[in-house]
Amino acid sequence: MIGASWSHRLQPMIDPLFRVWMAPAVAVWALSLGAPVGTHAPGCLFRLFTDHECWGCGTLRAMAALLRLDLSGALALNPLSPLVATTLIALSASGLLELHTRYRRADHG
């Protein structure tokens, strides 16, 4: 019964916790590539099989360029990269706000 109560209490926090760590995880991954912005790394399976770039090609390298404050480089790699970065930040902020609201409600209720 103890395990069931912990899983019941932990389940509502999994989604917000995932959202909170989404943007930092992408940022760390993008910065850990260690590849110059112009190279194609890591490999895209769509490009590997079709020899054409997919809509997401360059996104991770564009995130790395944005983290280096290179907006023109990011836009050259993927024009949607500022929108992707903004969405990741908004999702992380919404998860953080949801966790804050739940803990605040739990403290007072």
PDB file of N, CA and C in Angstrom:
ATOM      1  N   MET A   1       0.807  -1.195   0.000  1.00  0.00           N
ATOM      2  CA  MET A   1       0.000   0.000   0.000  1.00  0.00           C
ATOM      3  C   MET A   1       0.852   1.262   0.000  1.00  0.00           C
ATOM      4  N   ILE A   2       2.031   1.215   0.591  1.00  0.00           N
ATOM      5  CA  ILE A   2       2.883   2.399   0.627  1.00  0.00           C
ATOM      6  C   ILE A   2       3.318   2.762  -0.786  1.00  0.00           C
ATOM      7  N   GLY A   3       3.680   1.760  -1.597  1.00  0.00           N
ATOM      8  CA  GLY A   3       4.095   2.011  -2.975  1.00  0.00           C
ATOM      9  C   GLY A   3       2.982   2.639  -3.796  1.00  0.00           C
ATOM     10  N   ALA A   4       1.763   2.194  -3.565  1.00  0.00           N
ATOM     11  CA  ALA A   4       0.634   2.748  -4.317  1.00  0.00           C
ATOM     12  C   ALA A   4       0.414   4.214  -3.966  1.00  0.00           C
ATOM     13  N   SER A   5       0.579   4.588  -2.706  1.00  0.00           N
ATOM     14  CA  SER A   5       0.361   5.985  -2.337  1.00  0.00           C
ATOM     15  C   SER A   5       1.460   6.872  -2.919  1.00  0.00           C
ATOM     16  N   TRP A   6       2.720   6.382  -2.939  1.00  0.00           N
ATOM     17  CA  TRP A   6       3.800   7.173  -3.533  1.00  0.00           C
ATOM     18  C   TRP A   6       3.596   7.345  -5.027  1.00  0.00           C
ATOM     19  N   SER A   7       3.194   6.281  -5.729  1.00  0.00           N
ATOM     20  CA  SER A   7       2.985   6.403  -7.173  1.00  0.00           C
ATOM     21  C   SER A   7       1.794   7.316  -7.455  1.00  0.00           C
ATOM     22  N   HIS A   8       0.795   7.262  -6.596  1.00  0.00           N
ATOM     23  CA  HIS A   8      -0.363   8.138  -6.770  1.00  0.00           C
ATOM     24  C   HIS A   8       0.031   9.604  -6.582  1.00  0.00           C
ATOM     25  N   ARG A   9       0.932   9.873  -5.639  1.00  0.00           N
ATOM     26  CA  ARG A   9       1.372  11.253  -5.395  1.00  0.00           C
ATOM     27  C   ARG A   9       2.391  11.716  -6.426  1.00  0.00           C
ATOM     28  N   LEU A  10       3.180  10.794  -6.972  1.00  0.00           N
ATOM     29  CA  LEU A  10       4.229  11.152  -7.926  1.00  0.00           C
ATOM     30  C   LEU A  10       3.688  11.348  -9.342  1.00  0.00           C
ATOM     31  N   GLN A  11       2.641  10.634  -9.712  1.00  0.00           N
ATOM     32  CA  GLN A  11       2.113  10.676 -11.074  1.00  0.00           C
ATOM     33  C   GLN A  11       1.773  12.085 -11.561  1.00  0.00           C
ATOM     34  N   PRO A  12       1.098  12.940 -10.801  1.00  0.00           N
ATOM     35  CA  PRO A  12       0.781  14.271 -11.302  1.00  0.00           C
ATOM     36  C   PRO A  12       2.009  15.167 -11.492  1.00  0.00           C
ATOM     37  N   MET A  13       3.151  14.811 -10.892  1.00  0.00           N
ATOM     38  CA  MET A  13       4.342  15.652 -11.001  1.00  0.00           C
ATOM     39  C   MET A  13       5.243  15.258 -12.167  1.00  0.00           C
ATOM     40  N   ILE A  14       5.017  14.101 -12.781  1.00  0.00           N
ATOM     41  CA  ILE A  14       5.914  13.634 -13.838  1.00  0.00           C
ATOM     42  C   ILE A  14       5.876  14.562 -15.040  1.00  0.00           C
ATOM     43  N   ASP A  15       4.703  14.933 -15.512  1.00  0.00           N
ATOM     44  CA  ASP A  15       4.599  15.806 -16.684  1.00  0.00           C
ATOM     45  C   ASP A  15       5.223  17.178 -16.443  1.00  0.00           C
ATOM     46  N   PRO A  16       4.907  17.876 -15.345  1.00  0.00           N
ATOM     47  CA  PRO A  16       5.549  19.171 -15.125  1.00  0.00           C
ATOM     48  C   PRO A  16       7.062  19.064 -14.959  1.00  0.00           C
ATOM     49  N   LEU A  17       7.533  18.008 -14.293  1.00  0.00           N
ATOM     50  CA  LEU A  17       8.983  17.845 -14.141  1.00  0.00           C
ATOM     51  C   LEU A  17       9.658  17.625 -15.488  1.00  0.00           C
ATOM     52  N   PHE A  18       9.021  16.849 -16.342  1.00  0.00           N
ATOM     53  CA  PHE A  18       9.556  16.630 -17.686  1.00  0.00           C
ATOM     54  C   PHE A  18       9.631  17.957 -18.443  1.00  0.00           C
ATOM     55  N   ARG A  19       8.575  18.762 -18.351  1.00  0.00           N
ATOM     56  CA  ARG A  19       8.567  20.052 -19.047  1.00  0.00           C
ATOM     57  C   ARG A  19       9.609  21.009 -18.487  1.00  0.00           C
ATOM     58  N   VAL A  20       9.821  20.989 -17.173  1.00  0.00           N
ATOM     59  CA  VAL A  20      10.798  21.895 -16.561  1.00  0.00           C
ATOM     60  C   VAL A  20      12.195  21.608 -17.093  1.00  0.00           C
ATOM     61  N   TRP A  21      12.548  20.349 -17.253  1.00  0.00           N
ATOM     62  CA  TRP A  21      13.907  19.988 -17.648  1.00  0.00           C
ATOM     63  C   TRP A  21      14.094  19.855 -19.154  1.00  0.00           C
ATOM     64  N   MET A  22      13.035  20.084 -19.950  1.00  0.00           N
ATOM     65  CA  MET A  22      13.138  19.925 -21.395  1.00  0.00           C
ATOM     66  C   MET A  22      14.106  20.937 -22.027  1.00  0.00           C
ATOM     67  N   ALA A  23      13.925  22.213 -21.773  1.00  0.00           N
ATOM     68  CA  ALA A  23      14.787  23.240 -22.381  1.00  0.00           C
ATOM     69  C   ALA A  23      16.235  23.126 -21.914  1.00  0.00           C
ATOM     70  N   PRO A  24      16.497  22.960 -20.608  1.00  0.00           N
ATOM     71  CA  PRO A  24      17.898  22.793 -20.204  1.00  0.00           C
ATOM     72  C   PRO A  24      18.548  21.548 -20.808  1.00  0.00           C
ATOM     73  N   ALA A  25      17.785  20.462 -20.957  1.00  0.00           N
ATOM     74  CA  ALA A  25      18.351  19.245 -21.539  1.00  0.00           C
ATOM     75  C   ALA A  25      18.738  19.463 -23.000  1.00  0.00           C
ATOM     76  N   VAL A  26      17.887  20.145 -23.760  1.00  0.00           N
ATOM     77  CA  VAL A  26      18.208  20.436 -25.157  1.00  0.00           C
ATOM     78  C   VAL A  26      19.412  21.370 -25.231  1.00  0.00           C
ATOM     79  N   ALA A  27      19.484  22.342 -24.340  1.00  0.00           N
ATOM     80  CA  ALA A  27      20.617  23.274 -24.335  1.00  0.00           C
ATOM     81  C   ALA A  27      21.930  22.549 -24.058  1.00  0.00           C
ATOM     82  N   VAL A  28      21.932  21.661 -23.071  1.00  0.00           N
ATOM     83  CA  VAL A  28      23.151  20.914 -22.738  1.00  0.00           C
ATOM     84  C   VAL A  28      23.542  20.004 -23.895  1.00  0.00           C
ATOM     85  N   TRP A  29      22.553  19.351 -24.510  1.00  0.00           N
ATOM     86  CA  TRP A  29      22.834  18.467 -25.636  1.00  0.00           C
ATOM     87  C   TRP A  29      23.399  19.257 -26.813  1.00  0.00           C
ATOM     88  N   ALA A  30      22.805  20.395 -27.100  1.00  0.00           N
ATOM     89  CA  ALA A  30      23.266  21.216 -28.220  1.00  0.00           C
ATOM     90  C   ALA A  30      24.691  21.709 -27.986  1.00  0.00           C
ATOM     91  N   LEU A  31      24.984  22.124 -26.779  1.00  0.00           N
ATOM     92  CA  LEU A  31      26.323  22.627 -26.483  1.00  0.00           C
ATOM     93  C   LEU A  31      27.363  21.513 -26.390  1.00  0.00           C
ATOM     94  N   SER A  32      26.920  20.299 -26.113  1.00  0.00           N
ATOM     95  CA  SER A  32      27.869  19.195 -25.966  1.00  0.00           C
ATOM     96  C   SER A  32      28.275  18.584 -27.299  1.00  0.00           C
ATOM     97  N   LEU A  33      27.680  19.034 -28.392  1.00  0.00           N
ATOM     98  CA  LEU A  33      28.022  18.460 -29.692  1.00  0.00           C
ATOM     99  C   LEU A  33      29.500  18.626 -29.996  1.00  0.00           C
ATOM    100  N   GLY A  34      30.023  19.813 -29.717  1.00  0.00           N
ATOM    101  CA  GLY A  34      31.426  20.053 -29.977  1.00  0.00           C
ATOM    102  C   GLY A  34      31.755  20.163 -31.451  1.00  0.00           C
ATOM    103  N   ALA A  35      30.759  20.135 -32.310  1.00  0.00           N
ATOM    104  CA  ALA A  35      30.988  20.237 -33.745  1.00  0.00           C
ATOM    105  C   ALA A  35      30.803  21.678 -34.186  1.00  0.00           C
ATOM    106  N   PRO A  36      31.555  22.110 -35.179  1.00  0.00           N
ATOM    107  CA  PRO A  36      31.332  23.455 -35.713  1.00  0.00           C
ATOM    108  C   PRO A  36      29.908  23.578 -36.248  1.00  0.00           C
ATOM    109  N   VAL A  37      29.397  24.792 -36.272  1.00  0.00           N
ATOM    110  CA  VAL A  37      28.002  25.019 -36.654  1.00  0.00           C
ATOM    111  C   VAL A  37      27.724  24.559 -38.078  1.00  0.00           C
ATOM    112  N   GLY A  38      28.688  24.591 -38.984  1.00  0.00           N
ATOM    113  CA  GLY A  38      28.443  24.247 -40.373  1.00  0.00           C
ATOM    114  C   GLY A  38      28.398  22.762 -40.685  1.00  0.00           C
ATOM    115  N   THR A  39      28.844  21.903 -39.794  1.00  0.00           N
ATOM    116  CA  THR A  39      28.877  20.470 -40.081  1.00  0.00           C
ATOM    117  C   THR A  39      27.533  19.827 -39.784  1.00  0.00           C
ATOM    118  N   HIS A  40      27.331  18.646 -40.315  1.00  0.00           N
ATOM    119  CA  HIS A  40      26.067  17.944 -40.104  1.00  0.00           C
ATOM    120  C   HIS A  40      26.252  16.910 -39.004  1.00  0.00           C
ATOM    121  N   ALA A  41      25.898  17.298 -37.784  1.00  0.00           N
ATOM    122  CA  ALA A  41      26.021  16.387 -36.649  1.00  0.00           C
ATOM    123  C   ALA A  41      24.950  16.739 -35.649  1.00  0.00           C
ATOM    124  N   PRO A  42      24.309  15.839 -34.979  1.00  0.00           N
ATOM    125  CA  PRO A  42      24.341  14.408 -35.201  1.00  0.00           C
ATOM    126  C   PRO A  42      23.548  14.032 -36.452  1.00  0.00           C
ATOM    127  N   GLY A  43      23.683  12.799 -36.885  1.00  0.00           N
ATOM    128  CA  GLY A  43      23.063  12.365 -38.138  1.00  0.00           C
ATOM    129  C   GLY A  43      21.550  12.330 -38.082  1.00  0.00           C
ATOM    130  N   CYS A  44      20.961  12.675 -39.190  1.00  0.00           N
ATOM    131  CA  CYS A  44      19.502  12.644 -39.347  1.00  0.00           C
ATOM    132  C   CYS A  44      19.152  11.378 -40.116  1.00  0.00           C
ATOM    133  N   LEU A  45      18.284  10.543 -39.557  1.00  0.00           N
ATOM    134  CA  LEU A  45      17.913   9.297 -40.230  1.00  0.00           C
ATOM    135  C   LEU A  45      17.193   9.562 -41.544  1.00  0.00           C
ATOM    136  N   PHE A  46      16.355  10.596 -41.586  1.00  0.00           N
ATOM    137  CA  PHE A  46      15.653  10.934 -42.825  1.00  0.00           C
ATOM    138  C   PHE A  46      16.660  11.286 -43.911  1.00  0.00           C
ATOM    139  N   ARG A  47      17.653  12.094 -43.558  1.00  0.00           N
ATOM    140  CA  ARG A  47      18.678  12.488 -44.533  1.00  0.00           C
ATOM    141  C   ARG A  47      19.547  11.295 -44.924  1.00  0.00           C
ATOM    142  N   LEU A  48      19.805  10.414 -43.991  1.00  0.00           N
ATOM    143  CA  LEU A  48      20.608   9.235 -44.269  1.00  0.00           C
ATOM    144  C   LEU A  48      19.945   8.353 -45.325  1.00  0.00           C
ATOM    145  N   PHE A  49      18.623   8.154 -45.196  1.00  0.00           N
ATOM    146  CA  PHE A  49      17.925   7.259 -46.107  1.00  0.00           C
ATOM    147  C   PHE A  49      17.490   7.921 -47.408  1.00  0.00           C
ATOM    148  N   THR A  50      17.203   9.233 -47.392  1.00  0.00           N
ATOM    149  CA  THR A  50      16.662   9.892 -48.583  1.00  0.00           C
ATOM    150  C   THR A  50      17.637  10.855 -49.242  1.00  0.00           C
ATOM    151  N   ASP A  51      18.715  11.231 -48.576  1.00  0.00           N
ATOM    152  CA  ASP A  51      19.689  12.212 -49.040  1.00  0.00           C
ATOM    153  C   ASP A  51      19.069  13.605 -49.206  1.00  0.00           C
ATOM    154  N   HIS A  52      17.955  13.853 -48.513  1.00  0.00           N
ATOM    155  CA  HIS A  52      17.308  15.169 -48.483  1.00  0.00           C
ATOM    156  C   HIS A  52      17.172  15.598 -47.034  1.00  0.00           C
ATOM    157  N   GLU A  53      17.201  16.904 -46.803  1.00  0.00           N
ATOM    158  CA  GLU A  53      17.022  17.390 -45.436  1.00  0.00           C
ATOM    159  C   GLU A  53      15.542  17.378 -45.064  1.00  0.00           C
ATOM    160  N   CYS A  54      15.263  17.009 -43.828  1.00  0.00           N
ATOM    161  CA  CYS A  54      13.893  17.046 -43.323  1.00  0.00           C
ATOM    162  C   CYS A  54      13.629  18.429 -42.716  1.00  0.00           C
ATOM    163  N   TRP A  55      12.405  18.670 -42.262  1.00  0.00           N
ATOM    164  CA  TRP A  55      12.066  19.971 -41.676  1.00  0.00           C
ATOM    165  C   TRP A  55      12.842  20.239 -40.398  1.00  0.00           C
ATOM    166  N   GLY A  56      13.329  19.189 -39.764  1.00  0.00           N
ATOM    167  CA  GLY A  56      14.046  19.368 -38.508  1.00  0.00           C
ATOM    168  C   GLY A  56      15.560  19.418 -38.652  1.00  0.00           C
ATOM    169  N   CYS A  57      16.049  19.189 -39.866  1.00  0.00           N
ATOM    170  CA  CYS A  57      17.500  19.202 -40.060  1.00  0.00           C
ATOM    171  C   CYS A  57      18.070  20.561 -39.663  1.00  0.00           C
ATOM    172  N   GLY A  58      19.103  20.533 -38.889  1.00  0.00           N
ATOM    173  CA  GLY A  58      19.754  21.761 -38.461  1.00  0.00           C
ATOM    174  C   GLY A  58      19.197  22.349 -37.181  1.00  0.00           C
ATOM    175  N   THR A  59      18.138  21.782 -36.646  1.00  0.00           N
ATOM    176  CA  THR A  59      17.508  22.367 -35.461  1.00  0.00           C
ATOM    177  C   THR A  59      18.435  22.327 -34.252  1.00  0.00           C
ATOM    178  N   LEU A  60      19.059  21.204 -34.001  1.00  0.00           N
ATOM    179  CA  LEU A  60      19.932  21.103 -32.834  1.00  0.00           C
ATOM    180  C   LEU A  60      21.149  22.015 -32.980  1.00  0.00           C
ATOM    181  N   ARG A  61      21.717  22.051 -34.199  1.00  0.00           N
ATOM    182  CA  ARG A  61      22.844  22.950 -34.439  1.00  0.00           C
ATOM    183  C   ARG A  61      22.395  24.407 -34.359  1.00  0.00           C
ATOM    184  N   ALA A  62      21.151  24.681 -34.783  1.00  0.00           N
ATOM    185  CA  ALA A  62      20.611  26.038 -34.669  1.00  0.00           C
ATOM    186  C   ALA A  62      20.411  26.424 -33.201  1.00  0.00           C
ATOM    187  N   MET A  63      20.002  25.460 -32.365  1.00  0.00           N
ATOM    188  CA  MET A  63      19.870  25.745 -30.926  1.00  0.00           C
ATOM    189  C   MET A  63      21.233  26.084 -30.330  1.00  0.00           C
ATOM    190  N   ALA A  64      22.266  25.356 -30.770  1.00  0.00           N
ATOM    191  CA  ALA A  64      23.620  25.650 -30.292  1.00  0.00           C
ATOM    192  C   ALA A  64      24.039  27.047 -30.739  1.00  0.00           C
ATOM    193  N   ALA A  65      23.697  27.430 -31.960  1.00  0.00           N
ATOM    194  CA  ALA A  65      24.018  28.774 -32.445  1.00  0.00           C
ATOM    195  C   ALA A  65      23.262  29.837 -31.651  1.00  0.00           C
ATOM    196  N   LEU A  66      22.005  29.579 -31.343  1.00  0.00           N
ATOM    197  CA  LEU A  66      21.227  30.529 -30.529  1.00  0.00           C
ATOM    198  C   LEU A  66      21.832  30.680 -29.136  1.00  0.00           C
ATOM    199  N   LEU A  67      22.294  29.585 -28.570  1.00  0.00           N
ATOM    200  CA  LEU A  67      22.921  29.659 -27.244  1.00  0.00           C
ATOM    201  C   LEU A  67      24.222  30.444 -27.283  1.00  0.00           C
ATOM    202  N   ARG A  68      24.852  30.480 -28.453  1.00  0.00           N
ATOM    203  CA  ARG A  68      26.054  31.304 -28.631  1.00  0.00           C
ATOM    204  C   ARG A  68      25.695  32.726 -29.071  1.00  0.00           C
ATOM    205  N   LEU A  69      24.397  33.034 -29.086  1.00  0.00           N
ATOM    206  CA  LEU A  69      23.863  34.336 -29.499  1.00  0.00           C
ATOM    207  C   LEU A  69      24.178  34.654 -30.967  1.00  0.00           C
ATOM    208  N   ASP A  70      24.234  33.627 -31.796  1.00  0.00           N
ATOM    209  CA  ASP A  70      24.466  33.767 -33.232  1.00  0.00           C
ATOM    210  C   ASP A  70      23.135  33.587 -33.956  1.00  0.00           C
ATOM    211  N   LEU A  71      22.320  34.645 -33.987  1.00  0.00           N
ATOM    212  CA  LEU A  71      20.987  34.560 -34.575  1.00  0.00           C
ATOM    213  C   LEU A  71      21.053  34.307 -36.077  1.00  0.00           C
ATOM    214  N   SER A  72      21.960  34.972 -36.786  1.00  0.00           N
ATOM    215  CA  SER A  72      22.032  34.769 -38.233  1.00  0.00           C
ATOM    216  C   SER A  72      22.448  33.331 -38.566  1.00  0.00           C
ATOM    217  N   GLY A  73      23.378  32.770 -37.797  1.00  0.00           N
ATOM    218  CA  GLY A  73      23.771  31.378 -38.008  1.00  0.00           C
ATOM    219  C   GLY A  73      22.628  30.421 -37.724  1.00  0.00           C
ATOM    220  N   ALA A  74      21.865  30.693 -36.674  1.00  0.00           N
ATOM    221  CA  ALA A  74      20.725  29.835 -36.329  1.00  0.00           C
ATOM    222  C   ALA A  74      19.652  29.895 -37.410  1.00  0.00           C
ATOM    223  N   LEU A  75      19.375  31.081 -37.910  1.00  0.00           N
ATOM    224  CA  LEU A  75      18.369  31.225 -38.961  1.00  0.00           C
ATOM    225  C   LEU A  75      18.817  30.560 -40.260  1.00  0.00           C
ATOM    226  N   ALA A  76      20.122  30.577 -40.528  1.00  0.00           N
ATOM    227  CA  ALA A  76      20.629  29.916 -41.730  1.00  0.00           C
ATOM    228  C   ALA A  76      20.488  28.400 -41.624  1.00  0.00           C
ATOM    229  N   LEU A  77      20.667  27.862 -40.430  1.00  0.00           N
ATOM    230  CA  LEU A  77      20.559  26.418 -40.233  1.00  0.00           C
ATOM    231  C   LEU A  77      19.116  25.950 -40.225  1.00  0.00           C
ATOM    232  N   ASN A  78      18.243  26.697 -39.575  1.00  0.00           N
ATOM    233  CA  ASN A  78      16.815  26.360 -39.536  1.00  0.00           C
ATOM    234  C   ASN A  78      16.044  27.628 -39.217  1.00  0.00           C
ATOM    235  N   PRO A  79      15.267  28.149 -40.164  1.00  0.00           N
ATOM    236  CA  PRO A  79      14.543  29.400 -39.937  1.00  0.00           C
ATOM    237  C   PRO A  79      13.538  29.335 -38.790  1.00  0.00           C
ATOM    238  N   LEU A  80      13.118  28.150 -38.403  1.00  0.00           N
ATOM    239  CA  LEU A  80      12.152  28.011 -37.310  1.00  0.00           C
ATOM    240  C   LEU A  80      12.806  27.878 -35.937  1.00  0.00           C
ATOM    241  N   SER A  81      14.131  27.947 -35.874  1.00  0.00           N
ATOM    242  CA  SER A  81      14.826  27.714 -34.604  1.00  0.00           C
ATOM    243  C   SER A  81      14.441  28.703 -33.499  1.00  0.00           C
ATOM    244  N   PRO A  82      14.234  30.002 -33.766  1.00  0.00           N
ATOM    245  CA  PRO A  82      13.789  30.871 -32.668  1.00  0.00           C
ATOM    246  C   PRO A  82      12.414  30.468 -32.120  1.00  0.00           C
ATOM    247  N   LEU A  83      11.537  29.989 -33.006  1.00  0.00           N
ATOM    248  CA  LEU A  83      10.221  29.526 -32.558  1.00  0.00           C
ATOM    249  C   LEU A  83      10.356  28.266 -31.702  1.00  0.00           C
ATOM    250  N   VAL A  84      11.231  27.358 -32.110  1.00  0.00           N
ATOM    251  CA  VAL A  84      11.460  26.134 -31.331  1.00  0.00           C
ATOM    252  C   VAL A  84      12.038  26.479 -29.964  1.00  0.00           C
ATOM    253  N   ALA A  85      13.008  27.383 -29.923  1.00  0.00           N
ATOM    254  CA  ALA A  85      13.622  27.782 -28.653  1.00  0.00           C
ATOM    255  C   ALA A  85      12.598  28.452 -27.741  1.00  0.00           C
ATOM    256  N   THR A  86      11.780  29.328 -28.303  1.00  0.00           N
ATOM    257  CA  THR A  86      10.747  30.003 -27.516  1.00  0.00           C
ATOM    258  C   THR A  86       9.739  28.999 -26.965  1.00  0.00           C
ATOM    259  N   THR A  87       9.364  28.017 -27.781  1.00  0.00           N
ATOM    260  CA  THR A  87       8.418  26.988 -27.337  1.00  0.00           C
ATOM    261  C   THR A  87       9.005  26.158 -26.202  1.00  0.00           C
ATOM    262  N   LEU A  88      10.284  25.772 -26.319  1.00  0.00           N
ATOM    263  CA  LEU A  88      10.930  25.004 -25.251  1.00  0.00           C
ATOM    264  C   LEU A  88      10.975  25.791 -23.947  1.00  0.00           C
ATOM    265  N   ILE A  89      11.301  27.073 -24.045  1.00  0.00           N
ATOM    266  CA  ILE A  89      11.356  27.919 -22.844  1.00  0.00           C
ATOM    267  C   ILE A  89       9.968  28.066 -22.235  1.00  0.00           C
ATOM    268  N   ALA A  90       8.947  28.261 -23.081  1.00  0.00           N
ATOM    269  CA  ALA A  90       7.578  28.400 -22.575  1.00  0.00           C
ATOM    270  C   ALA A  90       7.103  27.113 -21.913  1.00  0.00           C
ATOM    271  N   LEU A  91       7.417  25.956 -22.505  1.00  0.00           N
ATOM    272  CA  LEU A  91       7.023  24.686 -21.893  1.00  0.00           C
ATOM    273  C   LEU A  91       7.703  24.483 -20.547  1.00  0.00           C
ATOM    274  N   SER A  92       8.984  24.814 -20.478  1.00  0.00           N
ATOM    275  CA  SER A  92       9.698  24.683 -19.203  1.00  0.00           C
ATOM    276  C   SER A  92       9.126  25.621 -18.152  1.00  0.00           C
ATOM    277  N   ALA A  93       8.819  26.851 -18.557  1.00  0.00           N
ATOM    278  CA  ALA A  93       8.243  27.814 -17.614  1.00  0.00           C
ATOM    279  C   ALA A  93       6.865  27.364 -17.144  1.00  0.00           C
ATOM    280  N   SER A  94       6.056  26.787 -18.051  1.00  0.00           N
ATOM    281  CA  SER A  94       4.723  26.333 -17.637  1.00  0.00           C
ATOM    282  C   SER A  94       4.827  25.165 -16.663  1.00  0.00           C
ATOM    283  N   GLY A  95       5.790  24.271 -16.877  1.00  0.00           N
ATOM    284  CA  GLY A  95       5.989  23.164 -15.934  1.00  0.00           C
ATOM    285  C   GLY A  95       6.426  23.657 -14.576  1.00  0.00           C
ATOM    286  N   LEU A  96       7.333  24.640 -14.575  1.00  0.00           N
ATOM    287  CA  LEU A  96       7.790  25.219 -13.310  1.00  0.00           C
ATOM    288  C   LEU A  96       6.642  25.913 -12.582  1.00  0.00           C
ATOM    289  N   LEU A  97       5.827  26.640 -13.316  1.00  0.00           N
ATOM    290  CA  LEU A  97       4.671  27.316 -12.712  1.00  0.00           C
ATOM    291  C   LEU A  97       3.667  26.307 -12.162  1.00  0.00           C
ATOM    292  N   GLU A  98       3.446  25.219 -12.892  1.00  0.00           N
ATOM    293  CA  GLU A  98       2.514  24.194 -12.405  1.00  0.00           C
ATOM    294  C   GLU A  98       3.030  23.535 -11.131  1.00  0.00           C
ATOM    295  N   LEU A  99       4.323  23.215 -11.082  1.00  0.00           N
ATOM    296  CA  LEU A  99       4.889  22.634  -9.861  1.00  0.00           C
ATOM    297  C   LEU A  99       4.788  23.607  -8.694  1.00  0.00           C
ATOM    298  N   HIS A 100       5.083  24.876  -8.940  1.00  0.00           N
ATOM    299  CA  HIS A 100       4.988  25.888  -7.892  1.00  0.00           C
ATOM    300  C   HIS A 100       3.555  25.992  -7.368  1.00  0.00           C
ATOM    301  N   THR A 101       2.597  25.988  -8.279  1.00  0.00           N
ATOM    302  CA  THR A 101       1.185  26.084  -7.881  1.00  0.00           C
ATOM    303  C   THR A 101       0.763  24.871  -7.058  1.00  0.00           C
ATOM    304  N   ARG A 102       1.188  23.676  -7.468  1.00  0.00           N
ATOM    305  CA  ARG A 102       0.822  22.460  -6.721  1.00  0.00           C
ATOM    306  C   ARG A 102       1.413  22.446  -5.326  1.00  0.00           C
ATOM    307  N   TYR A 103       2.685  22.814  -5.200  1.00  0.00           N
ATOM    308  CA  TYR A 103       3.316  22.824  -3.875  1.00  0.00           C
ATOM    309  C   TYR A 103       2.729  23.909  -2.999  1.00  0.00           C
ATOM    310  N   ARG A 104       2.422  25.045  -3.572  1.00  0.00           N
ATOM    311  CA  ARG A 104       1.825  26.131  -2.801  1.00  0.00           C
ATOM    312  C   ARG A 104       0.438  25.721  -2.301  1.00  0.00           C
ATOM    313  N   ARG A 105      -0.339  25.062  -3.166  1.00  0.00           N
ATOM    314  CA  ARG A 105      -1.655  24.583  -2.792  1.00  0.00           C
ATOM    315  C   ARG A 105      -1.552  23.510  -1.713  1.00  0.00           C
ATOM    316  N   ALA A 106      -0.545  22.635  -1.832  1.00  0.00           N
ATOM    317  CA  ALA A 106      -0.365  21.563  -0.849  1.00  0.00           C
ATOM    318  C   ALA A 106       0.033  22.126   0.508  1.00  0.00           C
ATOM    319  N   ASP A 107       0.837  23.205   0.538  1.00  0.00           N
ATOM    320  CA  ASP A 107       1.237  23.811   1.801  1.00  0.00           C
ATOM    321  C   ASP A 107       0.081  24.472   2.522  1.00  0.00           C
ATOM    322  N   HIS A 108      -0.852  25.054   1.761  1.00  0.00           N
ATOM    323  CA  HIS A 108      -1.961  25.799   2.367  1.00  0.00           C
ATOM    324  C   HIS A 108      -3.220  24.962   2.495  1.00  0.00           C
ATOM    325  N   GLY A 109      -3.274  23.837   1.804  1.00  0.00           N
ATOM    326  CA  GLY A 109      -4.515  23.062   1.825  1.00  0.00           C
ATOM    327  C   GLY A 109      -4.341  21.834   2.572  1.00  0.00           C
TER     328      GLY A 109
END
